[in-house]
Amino acid sequence: MNKSHLIRAVSEKTDISKIKAGFVIDAITDAVTQSLASGDDVKITGFGTFEVKTRAERPGRNPKTGEAMTIPAARVPAFRAGKGLKEAVR
């Protein structure tokens, strides 16, 4: 499912126009992004938790030259599925 499929599904389920459904999807993704950027988790009961994890600095190799290098530490977004989502997928 891509964004346009999601917009169509939300539009049909809520009986609103596709344009308004698009605004809703954009607002949700913006809110999640801003929350994660500020370091807060986003918990949606029954669905899951979006969080920011810290990946430690680690050794690696440049695939082009084979030269050893250090990959710097980074903050990365992560998602943990909730119980309801896990049960629905099983």
PDB file of N, CA and C in Angstrom:
ATOM      1  N   MET A   1       0.858  -1.180   0.000  1.00  0.00           N
ATOM      2  CA  MET A   1       0.000   0.000   0.000  1.00  0.00           C
ATOM      3  C   MET A   1       0.894   1.229   0.000  1.00  0.00           C
ATOM      4  N   ASN A   2       0.636   2.142  -0.885  1.00  0.00           N
ATOM      5  CA  ASN A   2       1.379   3.394  -0.894  1.00  0.00           C
ATOM      6  C   ASN A   2       0.479   4.521  -0.368  1.00  0.00           C
ATOM      7  N   LYS A   3       0.997   5.747  -0.412  1.00  0.00           N
ATOM      8  CA  LYS A   3       0.274   6.867   0.177  1.00  0.00           C
ATOM      9  C   LYS A   3      -1.081   7.101  -0.503  1.00  0.00           C
ATOM     10  N   SER A   4      -1.135   7.014  -1.818  1.00  0.00           N
ATOM     11  CA  SER A   4      -2.412   7.259  -2.506  1.00  0.00           C
ATOM     12  C   SER A   4      -3.438   6.176  -2.176  1.00  0.00           C
ATOM     13  N   HIS A   5      -2.986   4.930  -2.009  1.00  0.00           N
ATOM     14  CA  HIS A   5      -3.898   3.860  -1.594  1.00  0.00           C
ATOM     15  C   HIS A   5      -4.416   4.129  -0.173  1.00  0.00           C
ATOM     16  N   LEU A   6      -3.522   4.588   0.700  1.00  0.00           N
ATOM     17  CA  LEU A   6      -3.915   4.899   2.075  1.00  0.00           C
ATOM     18  C   LEU A   6      -4.928   6.044   2.099  1.00  0.00           C
ATOM     19  N   ILE A   7      -4.688   7.070   1.300  1.00  0.00           N
ATOM     20  CA  ILE A   7      -5.623   8.197   1.229  1.00  0.00           C
ATOM     21  C   ILE A   7      -6.988   7.720   0.756  1.00  0.00           C
ATOM     22  N   ARG A   8      -7.014   6.873  -0.256  1.00  0.00           N
ATOM     23  CA  ARG A   8      -8.279   6.348  -0.773  1.00  0.00           C
ATOM     24  C   ARG A   8      -9.004   5.543   0.303  1.00  0.00           C
ATOM     25  N   ALA A   9      -8.261   4.696   1.042  1.00  0.00           N
ATOM     26  CA  ALA A   9      -8.872   3.868   2.089  1.00  0.00           C
ATOM     27  C   ALA A   9      -9.457   4.735   3.203  1.00  0.00           C
ATOM     28  N   VAL A  10      -8.719   5.762   3.622  1.00  0.00           N
ATOM     29  CA  VAL A  10      -9.212   6.659   4.673  1.00  0.00           C
ATOM     30  C   VAL A  10     -10.444   7.413   4.179  1.00  0.00           C
ATOM     31  N   SER A  11     -10.402   7.857   2.949  1.00  0.00           N
ATOM     32  CA  SER A  11     -11.531   8.574   2.367  1.00  0.00           C
ATOM     33  C   SER A  11     -12.794   7.710   2.349  1.00  0.00           C
ATOM     34  N   GLU A  12     -12.657   6.466   1.944  1.00  0.00           N
ATOM     35  CA  GLU A  12     -13.814   5.574   1.873  1.00  0.00           C
ATOM     36  C   GLU A  12     -14.343   5.209   3.259  1.00  0.00           C
ATOM     37  N   LYS A  13     -13.428   4.975   4.210  1.00  0.00           N
ATOM     38  CA  LYS A  13     -13.860   4.576   5.557  1.00  0.00           C
ATOM     39  C   LYS A  13     -14.515   5.701   6.329  1.00  0.00           C
ATOM     40  N   THR A  14     -14.056   6.922   6.111  1.00  0.00           N
ATOM     41  CA  THR A  14     -14.560   8.046   6.899  1.00  0.00           C
ATOM     42  C   THR A  14     -15.578   8.885   6.152  1.00  0.00           C
ATOM     43  N   ASP A  15     -15.799   8.577   4.879  1.00  0.00           N
ATOM     44  CA  ASP A  15     -16.758   9.299   4.051  1.00  0.00           C
ATOM     45  C   ASP A  15     -16.401  10.783   3.938  1.00  0.00           C
ATOM     46  N   ILE A  16     -15.089  11.060   3.756  1.00  0.00           N
ATOM     47  CA  ILE A  16     -14.630  12.419   3.477  1.00  0.00           C
ATOM     48  C   ILE A  16     -13.952  12.411   2.109  1.00  0.00           C
ATOM     49  N   SER A  17     -13.709  13.580   1.566  1.00  0.00           N
ATOM     50  CA  SER A  17     -13.094  13.655   0.238  1.00  0.00           C
ATOM     51  C   SER A  17     -11.641  13.179   0.296  1.00  0.00           C
ATOM     52  N   LYS A  18     -11.124  12.791  -0.862  1.00  0.00           N
ATOM     53  CA  LYS A  18      -9.735  12.349  -0.935  1.00  0.00           C
ATOM     54  C   LYS A  18      -8.779  13.484  -0.589  1.00  0.00           C
ATOM     55  N   ILE A  19      -9.149  14.702  -0.945  1.00  0.00           N
ATOM     56  CA  ILE A  19      -8.299  15.860  -0.631  1.00  0.00           C
ATOM     57  C   ILE A  19      -8.191  16.041   0.876  1.00  0.00           C
ATOM     58  N   LYS A  20      -9.334  15.976   1.569  1.00  0.00           N
ATOM     59  CA  LYS A  20      -9.310  16.114   3.036  1.00  0.00           C
ATOM     60  C   LYS A  20      -8.580  14.938   3.678  1.00  0.00           C
ATOM     61  N   ALA A  21      -8.767  13.737   3.148  1.00  0.00           N
ATOM     62  CA  ALA A  21      -8.065  12.567   3.674  1.00  0.00           C
ATOM     63  C   ALA A  21      -6.558  12.735   3.485  1.00  0.00           C
ATOM     64  N   GLY A  22      -6.153  13.312   2.362  1.00  0.00           N
ATOM     65  CA  GLY A  22      -4.734  13.589   2.124  1.00  0.00           C
ATOM     66  C   GLY A  22      -4.177  14.555   3.145  1.00  0.00           C
ATOM     67  N   PHE A  23      -4.967  15.591   3.480  1.00  0.00           N
ATOM     68  CA  PHE A  23      -4.549  16.550   4.513  1.00  0.00           C
ATOM     69  C   PHE A  23      -4.403  15.853   5.863  1.00  0.00           C
ATOM     70  N   VAL A  24      -5.308  14.937   6.176  1.00  0.00           N
ATOM     71  CA  VAL A  24      -5.249  14.201   7.444  1.00  0.00           C
ATOM     72  C   VAL A  24      -3.978  13.343   7.504  1.00  0.00           C
ATOM     73  N   ILE A  25      -3.700  12.599   6.431  1.00  0.00           N
ATOM     74  CA  ILE A  25      -2.506  11.758   6.391  1.00  0.00           C
ATOM     75  C   ILE A  25      -1.249  12.613   6.514  1.00  0.00           C
ATOM     76  N   ASP A  26      -1.195  13.740   5.792  1.00  0.00           N
ATOM     77  CA  ASP A  26      -0.047  14.646   5.881  1.00  0.00           C
ATOM     78  C   ASP A  26       0.117  15.199   7.289  1.00  0.00           C
ATOM     79  N   ALA A  27      -0.990  15.549   7.940  1.00  0.00           N
ATOM     80  CA  ALA A  27      -0.930  16.089   9.303  1.00  0.00           C
ATOM     81  C   ALA A  27      -0.408  15.042  10.281  1.00  0.00           C
ATOM     82  N   ILE A  28      -0.842  13.793  10.116  1.00  0.00           N
ATOM     83  CA  ILE A  28      -0.373  12.724  10.998  1.00  0.00           C
ATOM     84  C   ILE A  28       1.120  12.489  10.813  1.00  0.00           C
ATOM     85  N   THR A  29       1.563  12.388   9.560  1.00  0.00           N
ATOM     86  CA  THR A  29       2.993  12.133   9.333  1.00  0.00           C
ATOM     87  C   THR A  29       3.847  13.308   9.803  1.00  0.00           C
ATOM     88  N   ASP A  30       3.362  14.538   9.619  1.00  0.00           N
ATOM     89  CA  ASP A  30       4.103  15.709  10.118  1.00  0.00           C
ATOM     90  C   ASP A  30       4.199  15.693  11.640  1.00  0.00           C
ATOM     91  N   ALA A  31       3.097  15.361  12.319  1.00  0.00           N
ATOM     92  CA  ALA A  31       3.096  15.323  13.783  1.00  0.00           C
ATOM     93  C   ALA A  31       4.040  14.255  14.304  1.00  0.00           C
ATOM     94  N   VAL A  32       4.038  13.079  13.684  1.00  0.00           N
ATOM     95  CA  VAL A  32       4.942  11.997  14.101  1.00  0.00           C
ATOM     96  C   VAL A  32       6.392  12.420  13.866  1.00  0.00           C
ATOM     97  N   THR A  33       6.666  12.994  12.700  1.00  0.00           N
ATOM     98  CA  THR A  33       8.029  13.437  12.374  1.00  0.00           C
ATOM     99  C   THR A  33       8.529  14.480  13.360  1.00  0.00           C
ATOM    100  N   GLN A  34       7.715  15.479  13.643  1.00  0.00           N
ATOM    101  CA  GLN A  34       8.118  16.539  14.573  1.00  0.00           C
ATOM    102  C   GLN A  34       8.342  15.991  15.978  1.00  0.00           C
ATOM    103  N   SER A  35       7.495  15.072  16.395  1.00  0.00           N
ATOM    104  CA  SER A  35       7.639  14.486  17.720  1.00  0.00           C
ATOM    105  C   SER A  35       8.938  13.683  17.826  1.00  0.00           C
ATOM    106  N   LEU A  36       9.224  12.877  16.816  1.00  0.00           N
ATOM    107  CA  LEU A  36      10.457  12.091  16.829  1.00  0.00           C
ATOM    108  C   LEU A  36      11.686  12.985  16.747  1.00  0.00           C
ATOM    109  N   ALA A  37      11.618  14.047  15.946  1.00  0.00           N
ATOM    110  CA  ALA A  37      12.742  14.973  15.820  1.00  0.00           C
ATOM    111  C   ALA A  37      13.057  15.654  17.149  1.00  0.00           C
ATOM    112  N   SER A  38      12.039  15.877  17.975  1.00  0.00           N
ATOM    113  CA  SER A  38      12.265  16.505  19.276  1.00  0.00           C
ATOM    114  C   SER A  38      12.627  15.491  20.360  1.00  0.00           C
ATOM    115  N   GLY A  39      12.669  14.201  19.989  1.00  0.00           N
ATOM    116  CA  GLY A  39      13.101  13.170  20.936  1.00  0.00           C
ATOM    117  C   GLY A  39      11.980  12.462  21.659  1.00  0.00           C
ATOM    118  N   ASP A  40      10.732  12.783  21.339  1.00  0.00           N
ATOM    119  CA  ASP A  40       9.594  12.142  21.993  1.00  0.00           C
ATOM    120  C   ASP A  40       9.157  10.894  21.232  1.00  0.00           C
ATOM    121  N   ASP A  41       8.618   9.922  21.954  1.00  0.00           N
ATOM    122  CA  ASP A  41       8.027   8.737  21.337  1.00  0.00           C
ATOM    123  C   ASP A  41       6.582   9.036  20.967  1.00  0.00           C
ATOM    124  N   VAL A  42       6.066   8.294  19.988  1.00  0.00           N
ATOM    125  CA  VAL A  42       4.659   8.400  19.606  1.00  0.00           C
ATOM    126  C   VAL A  42       4.045   7.027  19.817  1.00  0.00           C
ATOM    127  N   LYS A  43       3.112   6.934  20.775  1.00  0.00           N
ATOM    128  CA  LYS A  43       2.479   5.660  21.104  1.00  0.00           C
ATOM    129  C   LYS A  43       1.028   5.682  20.653  1.00  0.00           C
ATOM    130  N   ILE A  44       0.666   4.715  19.808  1.00  0.00           N
ATOM    131  CA  ILE A  44      -0.713   4.567  19.352  1.00  0.00           C
ATOM    132  C   ILE A  44      -1.192   3.221  19.879  1.00  0.00           C
ATOM    133  N   THR A  45      -2.018   3.254  20.900  1.00  0.00           N
ATOM    134  CA  THR A  45      -2.472   2.049  21.569  1.00  0.00           C
ATOM    135  C   THR A  45      -3.102   1.077  20.578  1.00  0.00           C
ATOM    136  N   GLY A  46      -2.670  -0.169  20.642  1.00  0.00           N
ATOM    137  CA  GLY A  46      -3.184  -1.206  19.765  1.00  0.00           C
ATOM    138  C   GLY A  46      -2.484  -1.269  18.420  1.00  0.00           C
ATOM    139  N   PHE A  47      -1.720  -0.235  18.077  1.00  0.00           N
ATOM    140  CA  PHE A  47      -1.024  -0.204  16.788  1.00  0.00           C
ATOM    141  C   PHE A  47       0.474  -0.353  16.976  1.00  0.00           C
ATOM    142  N   GLY A  48       1.089   0.557  17.743  1.00  0.00           N
ATOM    143  CA  GLY A  48       2.517   0.451  17.974  1.00  0.00           C
ATOM    144  C   GLY A  48       3.124   1.734  18.477  1.00  0.00           C
ATOM    145  N   THR A  49       4.459   1.725  18.556  1.00  0.00           N
ATOM    146  CA  THR A  49       5.208   2.859  19.070  1.00  0.00           C
ATOM    147  C   THR A  49       6.300   3.252  18.084  1.00  0.00           C
ATOM    148  N   PHE A  50       6.321   4.528  17.740  1.00  0.00           N
ATOM    149  CA  PHE A  50       7.415   5.092  16.951  1.00  0.00           C
ATOM    150  C   PHE A  50       8.382   5.698  17.958  1.00  0.00           C
ATOM    151  N   GLU A  51       9.673   5.424  17.797  1.00  0.00           N
ATOM    152  CA  GLU A  51      10.664   5.942  18.734  1.00  0.00           C
ATOM    153  C   GLU A  51      11.962   6.228  18.002  1.00  0.00           C
ATOM    154  N   VAL A  52      12.853   6.941  18.669  1.00  0.00           N
ATOM    155  CA  VAL A  52      14.176   7.223  18.128  1.00  0.00           C
ATOM    156  C   VAL A  52      15.179   6.387  18.904  1.00  0.00           C
ATOM    157  N   LYS A  53      15.987   5.631  18.171  1.00  0.00           N
ATOM    158  CA  LYS A  53      17.030   4.830  18.796  1.00  0.00           C
ATOM    159  C   LYS A  53      18.384   5.394  18.395  1.00  0.00           C
ATOM    160  N   THR A  54      19.372   5.176  19.242  1.00  0.00           N
ATOM    161  CA  THR A  54      20.718   5.627  18.951  1.00  0.00           C
ATOM    162  C   THR A  54      21.551   4.436  18.506  1.00  0.00           C
ATOM    163  N   ARG A  55      22.111   4.554  17.329  1.00  0.00           N
ATOM    164  CA  ARG A  55      22.981   3.511  16.805  1.00  0.00           C
ATOM    165  C   ARG A  55      24.414   3.910  17.144  1.00  0.00           C
ATOM    166  N   ALA A  56      25.162   3.023  17.788  1.00  0.00           N
ATOM    167  CA  ALA A  56      26.520   3.326  18.239  1.00  0.00           C
ATOM    168  C   ALA A  56      27.493   3.414  17.061  1.00  0.00           C
ATOM    169  N   GLU A  57      28.593   4.099  17.308  1.00  0.00           N
ATOM    170  CA  GLU A  57      29.673   4.151  16.329  1.00  0.00           C
ATOM    171  C   GLU A  57      30.212   2.737  16.144  1.00  0.00           C
ATOM    172  N   ARG A  58      30.566   2.372  14.891  1.00  0.00           N
ATOM    173  CA  ARG A  58      31.035   1.011  14.660  1.00  0.00           C
ATOM    174  C   ARG A  58      32.028   0.986  13.499  1.00  0.00           C
ATOM    175  N   PRO A  59      32.862  -0.041  13.469  1.00  0.00           N
ATOM    176  CA  PRO A  59      33.809  -0.158  12.351  1.00  0.00           C
ATOM    177  C   PRO A  59      33.101  -0.649  11.092  1.00  0.00           C
ATOM    178  N   GLY A  60      33.599  -0.255   9.952  1.00  0.00           N
ATOM    179  CA  GLY A  60      33.036  -0.693   8.686  1.00  0.00           C
ATOM    180  C   GLY A  60      34.079  -0.608   7.589  1.00  0.00           C
ATOM    181  N   ARG A  61      33.667  -0.902   6.371  1.00  0.00           N
ATOM    182  CA  ARG A  61      34.567  -0.841   5.222  1.00  0.00           C
ATOM    183  C   ARG A  61      33.890  -0.064   4.101  1.00  0.00           C
ATOM    184  N   ASN A  62      34.683   0.717   3.391  1.00  0.00           N
ATOM    185  CA  ASN A  62      34.204   1.402   2.206  1.00  0.00           C
ATOM    186  C   ASN A  62      34.033   0.333   1.130  1.00  0.00           C
ATOM    187  N   PRO A  63      32.808   0.108   0.628  1.00  0.00           N
ATOM    188  CA  PRO A  63      32.602  -0.977  -0.329  1.00  0.00           C
ATOM    189  C   PRO A  63      33.333  -0.762  -1.660  1.00  0.00           C
ATOM    190  N   LYS A  64      33.622   0.470  -1.997  1.00  0.00           N
ATOM    191  CA  LYS A  64      34.288   0.766  -3.265  1.00  0.00           C
ATOM    192  C   LYS A  64      35.791   0.485  -3.194  1.00  0.00           C
ATOM    193  N   THR A  65      36.418   0.900  -2.076  1.00  0.00           N
ATOM    194  CA  THR A  65      37.880   0.775  -1.969  1.00  0.00           C
ATOM    195  C   THR A  65      38.316  -0.338  -1.025  1.00  0.00           C
ATOM    196  N   GLY A  66      37.428  -0.799  -0.171  1.00  0.00           N
ATOM    197  CA  GLY A  66      37.781  -1.818   0.815  1.00  0.00           C
ATOM    198  C   GLY A  66      38.507  -1.245   2.018  1.00  0.00           C
ATOM    199  N   GLU A  67      38.675   0.070   2.041  1.00  0.00           N
ATOM    200  CA  GLU A  67      39.385   0.738   3.128  1.00  0.00           C
ATOM    201  C   GLU A  67      38.567   0.697   4.419  1.00  0.00           C
ATOM    202  N   ALA A  68      39.237   0.391   5.550  1.00  0.00           N
ATOM    203  CA  ALA A  68      38.580   0.380   6.857  1.00  0.00           C
ATOM    204  C   ALA A  68      38.219   1.813   7.233  1.00  0.00           C
ATOM    205  N   MET A  69      37.046   1.953   7.847  1.00  0.00           N
ATOM    206  CA  MET A  69      36.593   3.266   8.273  1.00  0.00           C
ATOM    207  C   MET A  69      35.699   3.122   9.492  1.00  0.00           C
ATOM    208  N   THR A  70      35.418   4.217  10.131  1.00  0.00           N
ATOM    209  CA  THR A  70      34.512   4.219  11.273  1.00  0.00           C
ATOM    210  C   THR A  70      33.189   4.833  10.831  1.00  0.00           C
ATOM    211  N   ILE A  71      32.106   4.095  11.048  1.00  0.00           N
ATOM    212  CA  ILE A  71      30.772   4.604  10.753  1.00  0.00           C
ATOM    213  C   ILE A  71      30.312   5.363  11.995  1.00  0.00           C
ATOM    214  N   PRO A  72      29.987   6.635  11.851  1.00  0.00           N
ATOM    215  CA  PRO A  72      29.645   7.434  13.039  1.00  0.00           C
ATOM    216  C   PRO A  72      28.328   7.016  13.686  1.00  0.00           C
ATOM    217  N   ALA A  73      28.179   7.381  14.945  1.00  0.00           N
ATOM    218  CA  ALA A  73      26.925   7.125  15.670  1.00  0.00           C
ATOM    219  C   ALA A  73      25.808   7.919  15.006  1.00  0.00           C
ATOM    220  N   ALA A  74      24.580   7.404  15.115  1.00  0.00           N
ATOM    221  CA  ALA A  74      23.448   8.088  14.483  1.00  0.00           C
ATOM    222  C   ALA A  74      22.173   7.831  15.269  1.00  0.00           C
ATOM    223  N   ARG A  75      21.250   8.778  15.144  1.00  0.00           N
ATOM    224  CA  ARG A  75      19.900   8.600  15.689  1.00  0.00           C
ATOM    225  C   ARG A  75      19.023   8.135  14.542  1.00  0.00           C
ATOM    226  N   VAL A  76      18.281   7.044  14.745  1.00  0.00           N
ATOM    227  CA  VAL A  76      17.434   6.494  13.677  1.00  0.00           C
ATOM    228  C   VAL A  76      16.019   6.245  14.193  1.00  0.00           C
ATOM    229  N   PRO A  77      15.014   6.452  13.326  1.00  0.00           N
ATOM    230  CA  PRO A  77      13.640   6.161  13.733  1.00  0.00           C
ATOM    231  C   PRO A  77      13.409   4.654  13.760  1.00  0.00           C
ATOM    232  N   ALA A  78      12.564   4.198  14.672  1.00  0.00           N
ATOM    233  CA  ALA A  78      12.237   2.776  14.787  1.00  0.00           C
ATOM    234  C   ALA A  78      10.756   2.642  15.106  1.00  0.00           C
ATOM    235  N   PHE A  79      10.201   1.481  14.770  1.00  0.00           N
ATOM    236  CA  PHE A  79       8.797   1.201  15.045  1.00  0.00           C
ATOM    237  C   PHE A  79       8.698  -0.146  15.730  1.00  0.00           C
ATOM    238  N   ARG A  80       7.939  -0.195  16.817  1.00  0.00           N
ATOM    239  CA  ARG A  80       7.655  -1.441  17.527  1.00  0.00           C
ATOM    240  C   ARG A  80       6.160  -1.694  17.419  1.00  0.00           C
ATOM    241  N   ALA A  81       5.789  -2.814  16.828  1.00  0.00           N
ATOM    242  CA  ALA A  81       4.374  -3.140  16.655  1.00  0.00           C
ATOM    243  C   ALA A  81       3.717  -3.432  18.002  1.00  0.00           C
ATOM    244  N   GLY A  82       2.478  -2.973  18.147  1.00  0.00           N
ATOM    245  CA  GLY A  82       1.697  -3.237  19.350  1.00  0.00           C
ATOM    246  C   GLY A  82       1.008  -4.577  19.279  1.00  0.00           C
ATOM    247  N   LYS A  83       0.419  -4.974  20.378  1.00  0.00           N
ATOM    248  CA  LYS A  83      -0.240  -6.267  20.484  1.00  0.00           C
ATOM    249  C   LYS A  83      -1.353  -6.436  19.456  1.00  0.00           C
ATOM    250  N   GLY A  84      -2.173  -5.427  19.288  1.00  0.00           N
ATOM    251  CA  GLY A  84      -3.291  -5.505  18.339  1.00  0.00           C
ATOM    252  C   GLY A  84      -2.814  -5.710  16.910  1.00  0.00           C
ATOM    253  N   LEU A  85      -1.766  -4.994  16.515  1.00  0.00           N
ATOM    254  CA  LEU A  85      -1.225  -5.131  15.162  1.00  0.00           C
ATOM    255  C   LEU A  85      -0.597  -6.518  14.973  1.00  0.00           C
ATOM    256  N   LYS A  86       0.137  -6.973  15.969  1.00  0.00           N
ATOM    257  CA  LYS A  86       0.765  -8.296  15.884  1.00  0.00           C
ATOM    258  C   LYS A  86      -0.285  -9.387  15.720  1.00  0.00           C
ATOM    259  N   GLU A  87      -1.352  -9.298  16.498  1.00  0.00           N
ATOM    260  CA  GLU A  87      -2.413 -10.316  16.423  1.00  0.00           C
ATOM    261  C   GLU A  87      -3.148 -10.266  15.083  1.00  0.00           C
ATOM    262  N   ALA A  88      -3.338  -9.067  14.523  1.00  0.00           N
ATOM    263  CA  ALA A  88      -4.026  -8.936  13.251  1.00  0.00           C
ATOM    264  C   ALA A  88      -3.205  -9.528  12.111  1.00  0.00           C
ATOM    265  N   VAL A  89      -1.889  -9.423  12.202  1.00  0.00           N
ATOM    266  CA  VAL A  89      -1.013  -9.932  11.154  1.00  0.00           C
ATOM    267  C   VAL A  89      -0.887 -11.459  11.232  1.00  0.00           C
ATOM    268  N   ARG A  90      -0.934 -12.000  12.424  1.00  0.00           N
ATOM    269  CA  ARG A  90      -0.811 -13.447  12.578  1.00  0.00           C
ATOM    270  C   ARG A  90      -2.008 -14.084  11.991  1.00  0.00           C
TER     271      ARG A  90
END
